[in-house]
PDB file of N, CA and C in Angstrom:
ATOM      1  N   MET A   1       7.037 -13.264   9.712  1.00  0.00           N
ATOM      2  CA  MET A   1       6.054 -12.876   8.721  1.00  0.00           C
ATOM      3  C   MET A   1       4.715 -12.446   9.322  1.00  0.00           C
ATOM      4  N   PRO A   2       4.425 -12.749  10.586  1.00  0.00           N
ATOM      5  CA  PRO A   2       3.119 -12.330  11.125  1.00  0.00           C
ATOM      6  C   PRO A   2       2.894 -10.825  11.022  1.00  0.00           C
ATOM      7  N   GLY A   3       3.932 -10.021  11.240  1.00  0.00           N
ATOM      8  CA  GLY A   3       3.775  -8.572  11.137  1.00  0.00           C
ATOM      9  C   GLY A   3       3.478  -8.132   9.716  1.00  0.00           C
ATOM     10  N   LEU A   4       4.068  -8.804   8.729  1.00  0.00           N
ATOM     11  CA  LEU A   4       3.817  -8.468   7.331  1.00  0.00           C
ATOM     12  C   LEU A   4       2.403  -8.867   6.933  1.00  0.00           C
ATOM     13  N   LEU A   5       1.956 -10.014   7.403  1.00  0.00           N
ATOM     14  CA  LEU A   5       0.588 -10.451   7.134  1.00  0.00           C
ATOM     15  C   LEU A   5      -0.403  -9.479   7.769  1.00  0.00           C
ATOM     16  N   ALA A   6      -0.141  -9.090   9.005  1.00  0.00           N
ATOM     17  CA  ALA A   6      -1.017  -8.134   9.696  1.00  0.00           C
ATOM     18  C   ALA A   6      -1.064  -6.809   8.942  1.00  0.00           C
ATOM     19  N   PHE A   7       0.086  -6.363   8.434  1.00  0.00           N
ATOM     20  CA  PHE A   7       0.112  -5.123   7.664  1.00  0.00           C
ATOM     21  C   PHE A   7      -0.759  -5.253   6.417  1.00  0.00           C
ATOM     22  N   ALA A   8      -0.579  -6.343   5.670  1.00  0.00           N
ATOM     23  CA  ALA A   8      -1.369  -6.548   4.455  1.00  0.00           C
ATOM     24  C   ALA A   8      -2.864  -6.566   4.773  1.00  0.00           C
ATOM     25  N   LEU A   9      -3.229  -7.223   5.864  1.00  0.00           N
ATOM     26  CA  LEU A   9      -4.640  -7.321   6.245  1.00  0.00           C
ATOM     27  C   LEU A   9      -5.212  -5.995   6.740  1.00  0.00           C
ATOM     28  N   SER A  10      -4.346  -5.055   7.094  1.00  0.00           N
ATOM     29  CA  SER A  10      -4.814  -3.755   7.578  1.00  0.00           C
ATOM     30  C   SER A  10      -5.215  -2.815   6.441  1.00  0.00           C
ATOM     31  N   LEU A  11      -4.889  -3.168   5.216  1.00  0.00           N
ATOM     32  CA  LEU A  11      -5.221  -2.320   4.072  1.00  0.00           C
ATOM     33  C   LEU A  11      -6.719  -2.444   3.761  1.00  0.00           C
ATOM     34  N   PRO A  12      -7.332  -1.401   3.196  1.00  0.00           N
ATOM     35  CA  PRO A  12      -8.779  -1.396   2.988  1.00  0.00           C
ATOM     36  C   PRO A  12      -9.312  -2.621   2.235  1.00  0.00           C
ATOM     37  N   GLU A  13     -10.287  -3.269   2.862  1.00  0.00           N
ATOM     38  CA  GLU A  13     -10.993  -4.431   2.317  1.00  0.00           C
ATOM     39  C   GLU A  13     -10.090  -5.623   2.013  1.00  0.00           C
ATOM     40  N   ALA A  14      -8.939  -5.706   2.667  1.00  0.00           N
ATOM     41  CA  ALA A  14      -8.048  -6.853   2.488  1.00  0.00           C
ATOM     42  C   ALA A  14      -8.541  -8.010   3.343  1.00  0.00           C
ATOM     43  N   TRP A  15      -8.372  -9.221   2.828  1.00  0.00           N
ATOM     44  CA  TRP A  15      -8.774 -10.414   3.574  1.00  0.00           C
ATOM     45  C   TRP A  15      -7.870 -11.589   3.203  1.00  0.00           C
ATOM     46  N   GLU A  16      -7.748 -12.510   4.136  1.00  0.00           N
ATOM     47  CA  GLU A  16      -6.851 -13.661   3.998  1.00  0.00           C
ATOM     48  C   GLU A  16      -7.594 -14.840   3.387  1.00  0.00           C
ATOM     49  N   ASP A  17      -6.888 -15.594   2.558  1.00  0.00           N
ATOM     50  CA  ASP A  17      -7.444 -16.790   1.935  1.00  0.00           C
ATOM     51  C   ASP A  17      -6.322 -17.811   1.795  1.00  0.00           C
ATOM     52  N   GLN A  18      -6.686 -19.067   1.622  1.00  0.00           N
ATOM     53  CA  GLN A  18      -5.728 -20.139   1.354  1.00  0.00           C
ATOM     54  C   GLN A  18      -6.240 -20.973   0.180  1.00  0.00           C
ATOM     55  N   PRO A  19      -6.247 -20.397  -1.025  1.00  0.00           N
ATOM     56  CA  PRO A  19      -6.864 -21.092  -2.161  1.00  0.00           C
ATOM     57  C   PRO A  19      -6.165 -22.382  -2.585  1.00  0.00           C
ATOM     58  N   TRP A  20      -4.880 -22.477  -2.392  1.00  0.00           N
ATOM     59  CA  TRP A  20      -4.129 -23.673  -2.777  1.00  0.00           C
ATOM     60  C   TRP A  20      -3.324 -24.198  -1.605  1.00  0.00           C
ATOM     61  N   GLY A  21      -3.760 -23.865  -0.416  1.00  0.00           N
ATOM     62  CA  GLY A  21      -3.015 -24.241   0.779  1.00  0.00           C
ATOM     63  C   GLY A  21      -1.982 -23.197   1.170  1.00  0.00           C
ATOM     64  N   ASP A  22      -1.727 -22.237   0.290  1.00  0.00           N
ATOM     65  CA  ASP A  22      -0.797 -21.144   0.576  1.00  0.00           C
ATOM     66  C   ASP A  22      -1.589 -19.947   1.081  1.00  0.00           C
ATOM     67  N   THR A  23      -0.991 -19.176   1.965  1.00  0.00           N
ATOM     68  CA  THR A  23      -1.651 -17.973   2.464  1.00  0.00           C
ATOM     69  C   THR A  23      -1.493 -16.847   1.451  1.00  0.00           C
ATOM     70  N   VAL A  24      -2.612 -16.255   1.085  1.00  0.00           N
ATOM     71  CA  VAL A  24      -2.610 -15.089   0.206  1.00  0.00           C
ATOM     72  C   VAL A  24      -3.473 -14.022   0.860  1.00  0.00           C
ATOM     73  N   VAL A  25      -3.257 -12.781   0.466  1.00  0.00           N
ATOM     74  CA  VAL A  25      -4.130 -11.699   0.906  1.00  0.00           C
ATOM     75  C   VAL A  25      -4.725 -11.090  -0.360  1.00  0.00           C
ATOM     76  N   LYS A  26      -6.047 -10.903  -0.308  1.00  0.00           N
ATOM     77  CA  LYS A  26      -6.785 -10.398  -1.460  1.00  0.00           C
ATOM     78  C   LYS A  26      -7.455  -9.074  -1.127  1.00  0.00           C
ATOM     79  N   VAL A  27      -7.710  -8.322  -2.162  1.00  0.00           N
ATOM     80  CA  VAL A  27      -8.581  -7.156  -2.077  1.00  0.00           C
ATOM     81  C   VAL A  27      -9.669  -7.445  -3.104  1.00  0.00           C
ATOM     82  N   ARG A  28     -10.899  -7.443  -2.609  1.00  0.00           N
ATOM     83  CA  ARG A  28     -12.024  -7.945  -3.404  1.00  0.00           C
ATOM     84  C   ARG A  28     -11.682  -9.402  -3.719  1.00  0.00           C
ATOM     85  N   LYS A  29     -11.620  -9.774  -4.981  1.00  0.00           N
ATOM     86  CA  LYS A  29     -11.309 -11.174  -5.314  1.00  0.00           C
ATOM     87  C   LYS A  29      -9.915 -11.324  -5.915  1.00  0.00           C
ATOM     88  N   LYS A  30      -9.116 -10.253  -5.849  1.00  0.00           N
ATOM     89  CA  LYS A  30      -7.794 -10.270  -6.483  1.00  0.00           C
ATOM     90  C   LYS A  30      -6.689 -10.392  -5.445  1.00  0.00           C
ATOM     91  N   ILE A  31      -5.775 -11.309  -5.683  1.00  0.00           N
ATOM     92  CA  ILE A  31      -4.614 -11.492  -4.809  1.00  0.00           C
ATOM     93  C   ILE A  31      -3.653 -10.326  -5.014  1.00  0.00           C
ATOM     94  N   PHE A  32      -3.141  -9.787  -3.891  1.00  0.00           N
ATOM     95  CA  PHE A  32      -2.092  -8.773  -4.021  1.00  0.00           C
ATOM     96  C   PHE A  32      -0.816  -9.179  -3.309  1.00  0.00           C
ATOM     97  N   VAL A  33      -0.842 -10.246  -2.514  1.00  0.00           N
ATOM     98  CA  VAL A  33       0.394 -10.752  -1.909  1.00  0.00           C
ATOM     99  C   VAL A  33       0.227 -12.228  -1.548  1.00  0.00           C
ATOM    100  N   PHE A  34       1.254 -13.004  -1.874  1.00  0.00           N
ATOM    101  CA  PHE A  34       1.374 -14.390  -1.437  1.00  0.00           C
ATOM    102  C   PHE A  34       2.355 -14.365  -0.271  1.00  0.00           C
ATOM    103  N   VAL A  35       1.966 -14.932   0.866  1.00  0.00           N
ATOM    104  CA  VAL A  35       2.815 -14.908   2.060  1.00  0.00           C
ATOM    105  C   VAL A  35       3.228 -16.337   2.396  1.00  0.00           C
ATOM    106  N   GLY A  36       4.502 -16.657   2.168  1.00  0.00           N
ATOM    107  CA  GLY A  36       5.023 -17.970   2.515  1.00  0.00           C
ATOM    108  C   GLY A  36       5.899 -17.872   3.745  1.00  0.00           C
ATOM    109  N   PRO A  37       6.306 -19.016   4.279  1.00  0.00           N
ATOM    110  CA  PRO A  37       7.132 -18.990   5.486  1.00  0.00           C
ATOM    111  C   PRO A  37       8.499 -18.327   5.277  1.00  0.00           C
ATOM    112  N   GLU A  38       9.023 -18.394   4.060  1.00  0.00           N
ATOM    113  CA  GLU A  38      10.350 -17.829   3.797  1.00  0.00           C
ATOM    114  C   GLU A  38      10.373 -16.879   2.602  1.00  0.00           C
ATOM    115  N   ARG A  39       9.226 -16.737   1.933  1.00  0.00           N
ATOM    116  CA  ARG A  39       9.173 -15.936   0.712  1.00  0.00           C
ATOM    117  C   ARG A  39       7.904 -15.101   0.677  1.00  0.00           C
ATOM    118  N   LEU A  40       7.972 -14.045  -0.085  1.00  0.00           N
ATOM    119  CA  LEU A  40       6.839 -13.148  -0.272  1.00  0.00           C
ATOM    120  C   LEU A  40       6.738 -12.892  -1.773  1.00  0.00           C
ATOM    121  N   THR A  41       5.532 -12.926  -2.307  1.00  0.00           N
ATOM    122  CA  THR A  41       5.337 -12.651  -3.724  1.00  0.00           C
ATOM    123  C   THR A  41       4.405 -11.459  -3.864  1.00  0.00           C
ATOM    124  N   VAL A  42       4.857 -10.455  -4.598  1.00  0.00           N
ATOM    125  CA  VAL A  42       4.106  -9.211  -4.770  1.00  0.00           C
ATOM    126  C   VAL A  42       4.173  -8.761  -6.224  1.00  0.00           C
ATOM    127  N   LYS A  43       3.187  -7.961  -6.613  1.00  0.00           N
ATOM    128  CA  LYS A  43       3.184  -7.353  -7.946  1.00  0.00           C
ATOM    129  C   LYS A  43       3.802  -5.968  -7.818  1.00  0.00           C
ATOM    130  N   LEU A  44       4.829  -5.704  -8.615  1.00  0.00           N
ATOM    131  CA  LEU A  44       5.552  -4.436  -8.500  1.00  0.00           C
ATOM    132  C   LEU A  44       5.708  -3.769  -9.857  1.00  0.00           C
ATOM    133  N   ASP A  45       5.808  -2.459  -9.810  1.00  0.00           N
ATOM    134  CA  ASP A  45       6.106  -1.666 -10.990  1.00  0.00           C
ATOM    135  C   ASP A  45       7.340  -0.823 -10.686  1.00  0.00           C
ATOM    136  N   GLU A  46       7.176   0.194  -9.838  1.00  0.00           N
ATOM    137  CA  GLU A  46       8.286   1.091  -9.505  1.00  0.00           C
ATOM    138  C   GLU A  46       9.449   0.359  -8.842  1.00  0.00           C
ATOM    139  N   ALA A  47       9.164  -0.582  -7.957  1.00  0.00           N
ATOM    140  CA  ALA A  47      10.219  -1.268  -7.207  1.00  0.00           C
ATOM    141  C   ALA A  47      10.627  -2.596  -7.841  1.00  0.00           C
ATOM    142  N   HIS A  48      10.112  -2.886  -9.036  1.00  0.00           N
ATOM    143  CA  HIS A  48      10.362  -4.183  -9.670  1.00  0.00           C
ATOM    144  C   HIS A  48      11.855  -4.484  -9.824  1.00  0.00           C
ATOM    145  N   ALA A  49      12.602  -3.569 -10.408  1.00  0.00           N
ATOM    146  CA  ALA A  49      14.038  -3.792 -10.632  1.00  0.00           C
ATOM    147  C   ALA A  49      14.780  -3.939  -9.310  1.00  0.00           C
ATOM    148  N   HIS A  50      14.423  -3.119  -8.324  1.00  0.00           N
ATOM    149  CA  HIS A  50      15.065  -3.218  -7.012  1.00  0.00           C
ATOM    150  C   HIS A  50      14.799  -4.587  -6.398  1.00  0.00           C
ATOM    151  N   ALA A  51      13.564  -5.046  -6.462  1.00  0.00           N
ATOM    152  CA  ALA A  51      13.223  -6.346  -5.878  1.00  0.00           C
ATOM    153  C   ALA A  51      14.009  -7.465  -6.551  1.00  0.00           C
ATOM    154  N   LEU A  52      14.124  -7.412  -7.864  1.00  0.00           N
ATOM    155  CA  LEU A  52      14.861  -8.460  -8.577  1.00  0.00           C
ATOM    156  C   LEU A  52      16.355  -8.413  -8.293  1.00  0.00           C
ATOM    157  N   SER A  53      16.857  -7.292  -7.786  1.00  0.00           N
ATOM    158  CA  SER A  53      18.279  -7.195  -7.456  1.00  0.00           C
ATOM    159  C   SER A  53      18.605  -7.881  -6.127  1.00  0.00           C
ATOM    160  N   ILE A  54      17.590  -8.248  -5.361  1.00  0.00           N
ATOM    161  CA  ILE A  54      17.788  -8.920  -4.072  1.00  0.00           C
ATOM    162  C   ILE A  54      18.266 -10.339  -4.328  1.00  0.00           C
ATOM    163  N   ASP A  55      19.272 -10.757  -3.598  1.00  0.00           N
ATOM    164  CA  ASP A  55      19.801 -12.109  -3.729  1.00  0.00           C
ATOM    165  C   ASP A  55      18.696 -13.129  -3.466  1.00  0.00           C
ATOM    166  N   GLY A  56      18.456 -14.015  -4.417  1.00  0.00           N
ATOM    167  CA  GLY A  56      17.435 -15.049  -4.267  1.00  0.00           C
ATOM    168  C   GLY A  56      16.079 -14.663  -4.822  1.00  0.00           C
ATOM    169  N   ALA A  57      15.911 -13.412  -5.247  1.00  0.00           N
ATOM    170  CA  ALA A  57      14.638 -12.976  -5.832  1.00  0.00           C
ATOM    171  C   ALA A  57      14.549 -13.458  -7.271  1.00  0.00           C
ATOM    172  N   GLU A  58      13.306 -13.654  -7.731  1.00  0.00           N
ATOM    173  CA  GLU A  58      13.111 -14.110  -9.104  1.00  0.00           C
ATOM    174  C   GLU A  58      11.715 -13.729  -9.591  1.00  0.00           C
ATOM    175  N   PRO A  59      11.563 -13.608 -10.913  1.00  0.00           N
ATOM    176  CA  PRO A  59      10.208 -13.395 -11.429  1.00  0.00           C
ATOM    177  C   PRO A  59       9.351 -14.596 -11.024  1.00  0.00           C
ATOM    178  N   THR A  60       8.130 -14.342 -10.644  1.00  0.00           N
ATOM    179  CA  THR A  60       7.244 -15.402 -10.193  1.00  0.00           C
ATOM    180  C   THR A  60       6.892 -16.318 -11.357  1.00  0.00           C
ATOM    181  N   GLY A  61       6.787 -17.605 -11.065  1.00  0.00           N
ATOM    182  CA  GLY A  61       6.466 -18.605 -12.076  1.00  0.00           C
ATOM    183  C   GLY A  61       5.031 -18.524 -12.563  1.00  0.00           C
ATOM    184  N   TYR A  62       4.641 -19.504 -13.357  1.00  0.00           N
ATOM    185  CA  TYR A  62       3.285 -19.617 -13.904  1.00  0.00           C
ATOM    186  C   TYR A  62       2.919 -18.417 -14.770  1.00  0.00           C
ATOM    187  N   GLY A  63       3.910 -17.764 -15.357  1.00  0.00           N
ATOM    188  CA  GLY A  63       3.647 -16.623 -16.220  1.00  0.00           C
ATOM    189  C   GLY A  63       3.371 -15.321 -15.490  1.00  0.00           C
ATOM    190  N   LEU A  64       3.319 -15.368 -14.157  1.00  0.00           N
ATOM    191  CA  LEU A  64       3.038 -14.152 -13.395  1.00  0.00           C
ATOM    192  C   LEU A  64       4.196 -13.155 -13.462  1.00  0.00           C
ATOM    193  N   GLY A  65       5.417 -13.662 -13.618  1.00  0.00           N
ATOM    194  CA  GLY A  65       6.583 -12.783 -13.688  1.00  0.00           C
ATOM    195  C   GLY A  65       6.485 -11.788 -14.830  1.00  0.00           C
ATOM    196  N   LYS A  66       5.853 -12.199 -15.933  1.00  0.00           N
ATOM    197  CA  LYS A  66       5.687 -11.304 -17.081  1.00  0.00           C
ATOM    198  C   LYS A  66       4.757 -10.144 -16.757  1.00  0.00           C
ATOM    199  N   ALA A  67       3.910 -10.326 -15.745  1.00  0.00           N
ATOM    200  CA  ALA A  67       2.960  -9.277 -15.354  1.00  0.00           C
ATOM    201  C   ALA A  67       3.480  -8.446 -14.187  1.00  0.00           C
ATOM    202  N   GLY A  68       4.767  -8.607 -13.841  1.00  0.00           N
ATOM    203  CA  GLY A  68       5.365  -7.785 -12.793  1.00  0.00           C
ATOM    204  C   GLY A  68       5.437  -8.424 -11.419  1.00  0.00           C
ATOM    205  N   TRP A  69       5.029  -9.692 -11.292  1.00  0.00           N
ATOM    206  CA  TRP A  69       5.081 -10.375  -9.999  1.00  0.00           C
ATOM    207  C   TRP A  69       6.497 -10.851  -9.711  1.00  0.00           C
ATOM    208  N   VAL A  70       6.941 -10.627  -8.485  1.00  0.00           N
ATOM    209  CA  VAL A  70       8.290 -10.991  -8.051  1.00  0.00           C
ATOM    210  C   VAL A  70       8.189 -11.780  -6.753  1.00  0.00           C
ATOM    211  N   THR A  71       8.960 -12.855  -6.668  1.00  0.00           N
ATOM    212  CA  THR A  71       9.054 -13.626  -5.431  1.00  0.00           C
ATOM    213  C   THR A  71      10.395 -13.305  -4.795  1.00  0.00           C
ATOM    214  N   VAL A  72      10.349 -12.841  -3.541  1.00  0.00           N
ATOM    215  CA  VAL A  72      11.566 -12.444  -2.838  1.00  0.00           C
ATOM    216  C   VAL A  72      11.677 -13.209  -1.524  1.00  0.00           C
ATOM    217  N   PRO A  73      12.907 -13.567  -1.139  1.00  0.00           N
ATOM    218  CA  PRO A  73      13.075 -14.183   0.183  1.00  0.00           C
ATOM    219  C   PRO A  73      12.832 -13.129   1.259  1.00  0.00           C
ATOM    220  N   SER A  74      12.171 -13.514   2.323  1.00  0.00           N
ATOM    221  CA  SER A  74      11.889 -12.532   3.383  1.00  0.00           C
ATOM    222  C   SER A  74      13.105 -12.296   4.268  1.00  0.00           C
ATOM    223  N   ALA A  75      13.976 -13.291   4.374  1.00  0.00           N
ATOM    224  CA  ALA A  75      15.187 -13.131   5.188  1.00  0.00           C
ATOM    225  C   ALA A  75      16.161 -12.208   4.461  1.00  0.00           C
ATOM    226  N   GLY A  76      16.745 -11.304   5.200  1.00  0.00           N
ATOM    227  CA  GLY A  76      17.747 -10.421   4.627  1.00  0.00           C
ATOM    228  C   GLY A  76      17.179  -9.172   3.969  1.00  0.00           C
ATOM    229  N   VAL A  77      15.851  -9.043   3.938  1.00  0.00           N
ATOM    230  CA  VAL A  77      15.224  -7.836   3.395  1.00  0.00           C
ATOM    231  C   VAL A  77      14.518  -7.142   4.554  1.00  0.00           C
ATOM    232  N   ASP A  78      14.783  -5.866   4.715  1.00  0.00           N
ATOM    233  CA  ASP A  78      14.194  -5.094   5.798  1.00  0.00           C
ATOM    234  C   ASP A  78      12.663  -5.140   5.729  1.00  0.00           C
ATOM    235  N   ASP A  79      12.007  -5.331   6.874  1.00  0.00           N
ATOM    236  CA  ASP A  79      10.545  -5.389   6.915  1.00  0.00           C
ATOM    237  C   ASP A  79       9.900  -4.117   6.378  1.00  0.00           C
ATOM    238  N   ASP A  80      10.530  -2.963   6.581  1.00  0.00           N
ATOM    239  CA  ASP A  80       9.978  -1.714   6.042  1.00  0.00           C
ATOM    240  C   ASP A  80       9.926  -1.757   4.515  1.00  0.00           C
ATOM    241  N   VAL A  81      10.956  -2.321   3.906  1.00  0.00           N
ATOM    242  CA  VAL A  81      10.983  -2.455   2.447  1.00  0.00           C
ATOM    243  C   VAL A  81       9.889  -3.415   2.005  1.00  0.00           C
ATOM    244  N   LEU A  82       9.749  -4.541   2.710  1.00  0.00           N
ATOM    245  CA  LEU A  82       8.705  -5.502   2.359  1.00  0.00           C
ATOM    246  C   LEU A  82       7.316  -4.883   2.507  1.00  0.00           C
ATOM    247  N   ARG A  83       7.114  -4.080   3.539  1.00  0.00           N
ATOM    248  CA  ARG A  83       5.822  -3.394   3.706  1.00  0.00           C
ATOM    249  C   ARG A  83       5.569  -2.418   2.547  1.00  0.00           C
ATOM    250  N   ASP A  84       6.611  -1.706   2.135  1.00  0.00           N
ATOM    251  CA  ASP A  84       6.473  -0.803   0.985  1.00  0.00           C
ATOM    252  C   ASP A  84       6.036  -1.589  -0.252  1.00  0.00           C
ATOM    253  N   TRP A  85       6.636  -2.753  -0.451  1.00  0.00           N
ATOM    254  CA  TRP A  85       6.304  -3.570  -1.618  1.00  0.00           C
ATOM    255  C   TRP A  85       4.893  -4.135  -1.516  1.00  0.00           C
ATOM    256  N   ILE A  86       4.473  -4.527  -0.321  1.00  0.00           N
ATOM    257  CA  ILE A  86       3.098  -4.998  -0.128  1.00  0.00           C
ATOM    258  C   ILE A  86       2.123  -3.876  -0.471  1.00  0.00           C
ATOM    259  N   GLU A  87       2.421  -2.671  -0.001  1.00  0.00           N
ATOM    260  CA  GLU A  87       1.538  -1.539  -0.297  1.00  0.00           C
ATOM    261  C   GLU A  87       1.539  -1.215  -1.788  1.00  0.00           C
ATOM    262  N   GLU A  88       2.695  -1.267  -2.431  1.00  0.00           N
ATOM    263  CA  GLU A  88       2.742  -1.013  -3.878  1.00  0.00           C
ATOM    264  C   GLU A  88       1.909  -2.052  -4.621  1.00  0.00           C
ATOM    265  N   SER A  89       2.027  -3.316  -4.231  1.00  0.00           N
ATOM    266  CA  SER A  89       1.253  -4.380  -4.856  1.00  0.00           C
ATOM    267  C   SER A  89      -0.243  -4.136  -4.672  1.00  0.00           C
ATOM    268  N   TYR A  90      -0.630  -3.756  -3.461  1.00  0.00           N
ATOM    269  CA  TYR A  90      -2.032  -3.437  -3.183  1.00  0.00           C
ATOM    270  C   TYR A  90      -2.517  -2.333  -4.118  1.00  0.00           C
ATOM    271  N   ARG A  91      -1.725  -1.282  -4.240  1.00  0.00           N
ATOM    272  CA  ARG A  91      -2.113  -0.136  -5.069  1.00  0.00           C
ATOM    273  C   ARG A  91      -2.262  -0.527  -6.543  1.00  0.00           C
ATOM    274  N   LEU A  92      -1.483  -1.493  -7.001  1.00  0.00           N
ATOM    275  CA  LEU A  92      -1.570  -1.943  -8.392  1.00  0.00           C
ATOM    276  C   LEU A  92      -2.785  -2.832  -8.639  1.00  0.00           C
ATOM    277  N   VAL A  93      -3.243  -3.534  -7.614  1.00  0.00           N
ATOM    278  CA  VAL A  93      -4.307  -4.523  -7.766  1.00  0.00           C
ATOM    279  C   VAL A  93      -5.677  -3.990  -7.335  1.00  0.00           C
ATOM    280  N   ALA A  94      -5.706  -3.163  -6.317  1.00  0.00           N
ATOM    281  CA  ALA A  94      -6.972  -2.688  -5.739  1.00  0.00           C
ATOM    282  C   ALA A  94      -7.705  -1.735  -6.683  1.00  0.00           C
ATOM    283  N   PRO A  95      -9.031  -1.690  -6.563  1.00  0.00           N
ATOM    284  CA  PRO A  95      -9.790  -0.691  -7.323  1.00  0.00           C
ATOM    285  C   PRO A  95      -9.369   0.729  -6.918  1.00  0.00           C
ATOM    286  N   LYS A  96      -9.473   1.655  -7.848  1.00  0.00           N
ATOM    287  CA  LYS A  96      -9.045   3.040  -7.601  1.00  0.00           C
ATOM    288  C   LYS A  96      -9.734   3.644  -6.379  1.00  0.00           C
ATOM    289  N   ARG A  97     -10.995   3.296  -6.153  1.00  0.00           N
ATOM    290  CA  ARG A  97     -11.736   3.827  -5.010  1.00  0.00           C
ATOM    291  C   ARG A  97     -11.075   3.417  -3.697  1.00  0.00           C
ATOM    292  N   LEU A  98     -10.586   2.177  -3.621  1.00  0.00           N
ATOM    293  CA  LEU A  98      -9.937   1.720  -2.390  1.00  0.00           C
ATOM    294  C   LEU A  98      -8.553   2.337  -2.229  1.00  0.00           C
ATOM    295  N   VAL A  99      -7.858   2.564  -3.333  1.00  0.00           N
ATOM    296  CA  VAL A  99      -6.565   3.253  -3.262  1.00  0.00           C
ATOM    297  C   VAL A  99      -6.787   4.677  -2.759  1.00  0.00           C
ATOM    298  N   ALA A 100      -7.843   5.324  -3.231  1.00  0.00           N
ATOM    299  CA  ALA A 100      -8.165   6.676  -2.754  1.00  0.00           C
ATOM    300  C   ALA A 100      -8.515   6.649  -1.270  1.00  0.00           C
ATOM    301  N   LEU A 101      -9.221   5.608  -0.833  1.00  0.00           N
ATOM    302  CA  LEU A 101      -9.553   5.455   0.583  1.00  0.00           C
ATOM    303  C   LEU A 101      -8.280   5.294   1.411  1.00  0.00           C
ATOM    304  N   LEU A 102      -7.333   4.509   0.911  1.00  0.00           N
ATOM    305  CA  LEU A 102      -6.047   4.335   1.586  1.00  0.00           C
ATOM    306  C   LEU A 102      -5.324   5.676   1.686  1.00  0.00           C
ATOM    307  N   ASP A 103      -5.302   6.419   0.593  1.00  0.00           N
ATOM    308  CA  ASP A 103      -4.644   7.727   0.601  1.00  0.00           C
ATOM    309  C   ASP A 103      -5.282   8.666   1.618  1.00  0.00           C
ATOM    310  N   SER A 104      -6.609   8.683   1.682  1.00  0.00           N
ATOM    311  CA  SER A 104      -7.281   9.575   2.636  1.00  0.00           C
ATOM    312  C   SER A 104      -7.064   9.107   4.068  1.00  0.00           C
ATOM    313  N   ALA A 105      -6.981   7.801   4.283  1.00  0.00           N
ATOM    314  CA  ALA A 105      -6.724   7.274   5.631  1.00  0.00           C
ATOM    315  C   ALA A 105      -5.319   7.640   6.097  1.00  0.00           C
ATOM    316  N   GLN A 106      -4.389   7.700   5.146  1.00  0.00           N
ATOM    317  CA  GLN A 106      -3.019   8.061   5.487  1.00  0.00           C
ATOM    318  C   GLN A 106      -2.926   9.529   5.845  1.00  0.00           C
ATOM    319  N   GLY A 107      -3.804  10.334   5.313  1.00  0.00           N
ATOM    320  CA  GLY A 107      -3.787  11.765   5.593  1.00  0.00           C
ATOM    321  C   GLY A 107      -2.439  12.387   5.311  1.00  0.00           C
ATOM    322  N   GLY A 108      -1.797  11.885   4.264  1.00  0.00           N
ATOM    323  CA  GLY A 108      -0.472  12.398   3.940  1.00  0.00           C
ATOM    324  C   GLY A 108       0.609  11.719   4.757  1.00  0.00           C
ATOM    325  N   GLY A 109       0.198  10.824   5.675  1.00  0.00           N
ATOM    326  CA  GLY A 109       1.156  10.105   6.508  1.00  0.00           C
ATOM    327  C   GLY A 109       1.681   8.875   5.805  1.00  0.00           C
ATOM    328  N   ASP A 110       2.349   8.068   6.548  1.00  0.00           N
ATOM    329  CA  ASP A 110       2.978   6.867   6.028  1.00  0.00           C
ATOM    330  C   ASP A 110       2.221   5.654   6.550  1.00  0.00           C
ATOM    331  N   GLN A 111       1.481   4.977   5.667  1.00  0.00           N
ATOM    332  CA  GLN A 111       0.687   3.809   6.053  1.00  0.00           C
ATOM    333  C   GLN A 111       1.561   2.751   6.716  1.00  0.00           C
ATOM    334  N   ARG A 112       2.728   2.537   6.168  1.00  0.00           N
ATOM    335  CA  ARG A 112       3.626   1.519   6.687  1.00  0.00           C
ATOM    336  C   ARG A 112       3.985   1.805   8.135  1.00  0.00           C
ATOM    337  N   ALA A 113       4.325   3.037   8.442  1.00  0.00           N
ATOM    338  CA  ALA A 113       4.724   3.394   9.802  1.00  0.00           C
ATOM    339  C   ALA A 113       3.538   3.327  10.752  1.00  0.00           C
ATOM    340  N   GLU A 114       2.374   3.784  10.288  1.00  0.00           N
ATOM    341  CA  GLU A 114       1.194   3.791  11.145  1.00  0.00           C
ATOM    342  C   GLU A 114       0.721   2.386  11.480  1.00  0.00           C
ATOM    343  N   LEU A 115       0.911   1.446  10.553  1.00  0.00           N
ATOM    344  CA  LEU A 115       0.356   0.114  10.726  1.00  0.00           C
ATOM    345  C   LEU A 115       1.401  -0.944  11.058  1.00  0.00           C
ATOM    346  N   ALA A 116       2.642  -0.551  11.222  1.00  0.00           N
ATOM    347  CA  ALA A 116       3.711  -1.514  11.469  1.00  0.00           C
ATOM    348  C   ALA A 116       3.427  -2.390  12.672  1.00  0.00           C
ATOM    349  N   GLY A 117       2.786  -1.850  13.679  1.00  0.00           N
ATOM    350  CA  GLY A 117       2.494  -2.630  14.877  1.00  0.00           C
ATOM    351  C   GLY A 117       1.094  -3.192  14.900  1.00  0.00           C
ATOM    352  N   ALA A 118       0.402  -3.184  13.749  1.00  0.00           N
ATOM    353  CA  ALA A 118      -0.983  -3.657  13.711  1.00  0.00           C
ATOM    354  C   ALA A 118      -1.060  -5.123  14.092  1.00  0.00           C
ATOM    355  N   GLY A 119      -2.089  -5.477  14.816  1.00  0.00           N
ATOM    356  CA  GLY A 119      -2.293  -6.867  15.228  1.00  0.00           C
ATOM    357  C   GLY A 119      -2.951  -7.677  14.143  1.00  0.00           C
ATOM    358  N   GLY A 120      -2.970  -8.994  14.308  1.00  0.00           N
ATOM    359  CA  GLY A 120      -3.550  -9.906  13.342  1.00  0.00           C
ATOM    360  C   GLY A 120      -5.054  -9.793  13.237  1.00  0.00           C
ATOM    361  N   ASP A 121      -5.717  -9.086  14.148  1.00  0.00           N
ATOM    362  CA  ASP A 121      -7.169  -8.965  14.117  1.00  0.00           C
ATOM    363  C   ASP A 121      -7.634  -7.830  13.227  1.00  0.00           C
ATOM    364  N   ASP A 122      -6.728  -7.131  12.587  1.00  0.00           N
ATOM    365  CA  ASP A 122      -7.078  -5.983  11.754  1.00  0.00           C
ATOM    366  C   ASP A 122      -7.429  -6.431  10.346  1.00  0.00           C
ATOM    367  N   ALA A 123      -8.555  -7.058  10.156  1.00  0.00           N
ATOM    368  CA  ALA A 123      -8.930  -7.533   8.827  1.00  0.00           C
ATOM    369  C   ALA A 123      -9.848  -6.564   8.134  1.00  0.00           C
TER     370      ALA A 123
END
């Protein structure tokens, strides 16, 4: 999971927090990914049905599942897919200005591919 956490932290204005002892990544004050040792929780729209089709995936508890949040096991899911879902979650939660900044930083490229090897210091 360190590579997935590093990817999430590489997105514009993303930062790590542990509000309940769990690692989360926020943009501004909004969580866009929960990173657990064996599970990842993200907010999805386009990939929601695909994520729920993964063995062991489920709508997130505490009423978050109704808002599109999905908890998926990290084992058995390709890291590229998980990075896509982290980016989709970011795009759903982040302010439009930061999404536009992400788009301009990508320059039409693929954020996931460019940042796949990003280190943990990229906050």
